[in-house]
Amino acid sequence: MKERVRTPQTCPKCGRVYTERPATSRVDGSPICPDCGTREALESIGVGREEQDKILGIIHEKYEGEE
């Protein structure tokens, strides 16, 4: 199976350079990094910044090294 090589992109919201598949912003439909996509989704259901940080930490811990 062919391995996909992703071109590094810079997230317009946070400035992070990422190679994962981009998320689509709920605000303007532009491509954003997966973390900002997760934050936008969590914000839309009223999750605060501190809880978002915890959730993202768990996600990163769980999927670290699986790329």
N, C-alpha and C. Protein backbone atom coordinates (compact mmCIF):
# COMPACT_ATOMS: atom_id res chain seq x y z
N MET A 1 0.84 -1.18 0.00
CA MET A 1 0.00 0.00 0.00
C MET A 1 0.89 1.25 0.00
N LYS A 2 0.50 2.22 -0.76
CA LYS A 2 1.25 3.47 -0.84
C LYS A 2 1.10 4.29 0.44
N GLU A 3 2.21 4.82 0.89
CA GLU A 3 2.16 5.70 2.06
C GLU A 3 1.97 7.14 1.59
N ARG A 4 1.02 7.82 2.19
CA ARG A 4 0.78 9.22 1.83
C ARG A 4 1.76 10.13 2.54
N VAL A 5 2.33 11.02 1.79
CA VAL A 5 3.22 12.03 2.38
C VAL A 5 2.45 13.32 2.39
N ARG A 6 2.27 13.86 3.57
CA ARG A 6 1.50 15.10 3.71
C ARG A 6 2.44 16.29 3.74
N THR A 7 2.06 17.32 3.04
CA THR A 7 2.82 18.57 3.01
C THR A 7 2.55 19.34 4.28
N PRO A 8 3.59 19.82 4.95
CA PRO A 8 3.36 20.63 6.15
C PRO A 8 2.53 21.87 5.83
N GLN A 9 1.57 22.15 6.70
CA GLN A 9 0.72 23.33 6.57
C GLN A 9 0.77 24.11 7.87
N THR A 10 0.49 25.39 7.81
CA THR A 10 0.45 26.23 9.00
C THR A 10 -0.99 26.58 9.30
N CYS A 11 -1.40 26.33 10.53
CA CYS A 11 -2.77 26.62 10.94
C CYS A 11 -2.97 28.14 11.06
N PRO A 12 -4.00 28.68 10.40
CA PRO A 12 -4.23 30.11 10.47
C PRO A 12 -4.75 30.58 11.83
N LYS A 13 -5.24 29.67 12.65
CA LYS A 13 -5.77 30.05 13.97
C LYS A 13 -4.69 30.10 15.04
N CYS A 14 -3.83 29.07 15.08
CA CYS A 14 -2.85 28.99 16.17
C CYS A 14 -1.40 29.11 15.70
N GLY A 15 -1.17 29.01 14.39
CA GLY A 15 0.18 29.14 13.86
C GLY A 15 1.01 27.86 13.89
N ARG A 16 0.44 26.77 14.39
CA ARG A 16 1.18 25.51 14.47
C ARG A 16 1.35 24.90 13.08
N VAL A 17 2.54 24.35 12.83
CA VAL A 17 2.79 23.63 11.59
C VAL A 17 2.38 22.18 11.84
N TYR A 18 1.56 21.64 10.94
CA TYR A 18 1.06 20.29 11.12
C TYR A 18 1.08 19.53 9.80
N THR A 19 1.11 18.20 9.89
CA THR A 19 1.09 17.36 8.69
C THR A 19 -0.11 16.43 8.68
N GLU A 20 -0.90 16.42 9.76
CA GLU A 20 -2.09 15.59 9.80
C GLU A 20 -3.14 16.13 8.83
N ARG A 21 -4.15 15.32 8.60
CA ARG A 21 -5.26 15.77 7.75
C ARG A 21 -5.92 16.97 8.42
N PRO A 22 -6.16 18.04 7.68
CA PRO A 22 -6.74 19.23 8.30
C PRO A 22 -8.21 19.04 8.68
N ALA A 23 -8.63 19.82 9.67
CA ALA A 23 -10.05 19.92 10.02
C ALA A 23 -10.61 21.11 9.24
N THR A 24 -11.91 21.20 9.18
CA THR A 24 -12.55 22.33 8.52
C THR A 24 -13.15 23.24 9.59
N SER A 25 -12.77 24.51 9.55
CA SER A 25 -13.26 25.46 10.54
C SER A 25 -14.77 25.59 10.48
N ARG A 26 -15.39 25.59 11.64
CA ARG A 26 -16.83 25.81 11.73
C ARG A 26 -17.17 27.29 11.51
N VAL A 27 -16.16 28.15 11.64
CA VAL A 27 -16.37 29.58 11.52
C VAL A 27 -16.43 30.02 10.06
N ASP A 28 -15.41 29.63 9.28
CA ASP A 28 -15.35 30.12 7.90
C ASP A 28 -15.08 29.05 6.85
N GLY A 29 -15.02 27.79 7.26
CA GLY A 29 -14.82 26.70 6.31
C GLY A 29 -13.39 26.51 5.84
N SER A 30 -12.45 27.25 6.41
CA SER A 30 -11.05 27.12 6.00
C SER A 30 -10.41 25.91 6.68
N PRO A 31 -9.33 25.38 6.10
CA PRO A 31 -8.62 24.27 6.74
C PRO A 31 -7.85 24.77 7.96
N ILE A 32 -7.96 24.04 9.06
CA ILE A 32 -7.25 24.36 10.31
C ILE A 32 -6.66 23.07 10.85
N CYS A 33 -5.75 23.19 11.81
CA CYS A 33 -5.13 22.00 12.38
C CYS A 33 -6.16 21.19 13.17
N PRO A 34 -5.91 19.91 13.35
CA PRO A 34 -6.85 19.06 14.08
C PRO A 34 -7.15 19.55 15.49
N ASP A 35 -6.16 20.10 16.18
CA ASP A 35 -6.40 20.59 17.54
C ASP A 35 -7.38 21.76 17.54
N CYS A 36 -7.22 22.69 16.62
CA CYS A 36 -8.15 23.82 16.53
C CYS A 36 -9.54 23.34 16.12
N GLY A 37 -9.61 22.33 15.27
CA GLY A 37 -10.89 21.75 14.90
C GLY A 37 -11.59 21.14 16.10
N THR A 38 -10.83 20.44 16.92
CA THR A 38 -11.38 19.85 18.14
C THR A 38 -11.84 20.95 19.09
N ARG A 39 -11.02 21.99 19.24
CA ARG A 39 -11.40 23.11 20.12
C ARG A 39 -12.69 23.78 19.65
N GLU A 40 -12.82 24.01 18.34
CA GLU A 40 -14.03 24.63 17.82
C GLU A 40 -15.25 23.75 18.11
N ALA A 41 -15.11 22.46 17.94
CA ALA A 41 -16.22 21.54 18.20
C ALA A 41 -16.60 21.57 19.69
N LEU A 42 -15.59 21.54 20.55
CA LEU A 42 -15.86 21.56 21.99
C LEU A 42 -16.47 22.90 22.43
N GLU A 43 -15.97 24.00 21.87
CA GLU A 43 -16.53 25.32 22.18
C GLU A 43 -18.01 25.37 21.79
N SER A 44 -18.36 24.72 20.68
CA SER A 44 -19.74 24.77 20.19
C SER A 44 -20.72 24.09 21.14
N ILE A 45 -20.22 23.23 22.02
CA ILE A 45 -21.09 22.59 23.01
C ILE A 45 -20.83 23.12 24.42
N GLY A 46 -20.12 24.24 24.49
CA GLY A 46 -19.95 24.93 25.77
C GLY A 46 -18.83 24.45 26.67
N VAL A 47 -17.88 23.70 26.12
CA VAL A 47 -16.75 23.22 26.92
C VAL A 47 -15.72 24.35 27.04
N GLY A 48 -15.29 24.64 28.27
CA GLY A 48 -14.34 25.71 28.52
C GLY A 48 -12.91 25.35 28.14
N ARG A 49 -12.07 26.37 28.10
CA ARG A 49 -10.68 26.22 27.65
C ARG A 49 -9.90 25.21 28.50
N GLU A 50 -10.07 25.25 29.80
CA GLU A 50 -9.32 24.34 30.68
C GLU A 50 -9.69 22.89 30.40
N GLU A 51 -10.96 22.62 30.24
CA GLU A 51 -11.41 21.26 29.94
C GLU A 51 -10.96 20.84 28.54
N GLN A 52 -10.95 21.78 27.59
CA GLN A 52 -10.44 21.49 26.24
C GLN A 52 -8.99 21.03 26.31
N ASP A 53 -8.19 21.74 27.12
CA ASP A 53 -6.78 21.37 27.28
C ASP A 53 -6.64 19.95 27.80
N LYS A 54 -7.47 19.58 28.77
CA LYS A 54 -7.42 18.22 29.33
C LYS A 54 -7.78 17.18 28.26
N ILE A 55 -8.84 17.47 27.51
CA ILE A 55 -9.29 16.54 26.47
C ILE A 55 -8.22 16.37 25.39
N LEU A 56 -7.65 17.49 24.94
CA LEU A 56 -6.59 17.40 23.93
C LEU A 56 -5.37 16.65 24.46
N GLY A 57 -5.05 16.84 25.73
CA GLY A 57 -3.94 16.11 26.34
C GLY A 57 -4.16 14.61 26.30
N ILE A 58 -5.39 14.20 26.59
CA ILE A 58 -5.74 12.77 26.55
C ILE A 58 -5.64 12.24 25.12
N ILE A 59 -6.14 13.01 24.18
CA ILE A 59 -6.07 12.59 22.77
C ILE A 59 -4.61 12.42 22.34
N HIS A 60 -3.77 13.40 22.66
CA HIS A 60 -2.36 13.32 22.27
C HIS A 60 -1.65 12.15 22.94
N GLU A 61 -1.98 11.92 24.20
CA GLU A 61 -1.38 10.81 24.94
C GLU A 61 -1.78 9.47 24.32
N LYS A 62 -3.05 9.34 23.97
CA LYS A 62 -3.57 8.09 23.42
C LYS A 62 -2.97 7.77 22.05
N TYR A 63 -2.88 8.80 21.19
CA TYR A 63 -2.47 8.56 19.80
C TYR A 63 -1.01 8.90 19.51
N GLU A 64 -0.23 9.19 20.52
CA GLU A 64 1.18 9.50 20.33
C GLU A 64 1.90 8.32 19.68
N GLY A 65 2.55 8.59 18.58
CA GLY A 65 3.33 7.56 17.91
C GLY A 65 2.55 6.64 16.99
N GLU A 66 1.27 6.89 16.79
CA GLU A 66 0.47 6.03 15.92
C GLU A 66 0.43 6.49 14.48
N GLU A 67 1.13 7.54 14.13
CA GLU A 67 1.09 8.05 12.75
C GLU A 67 1.98 7.27 11.84
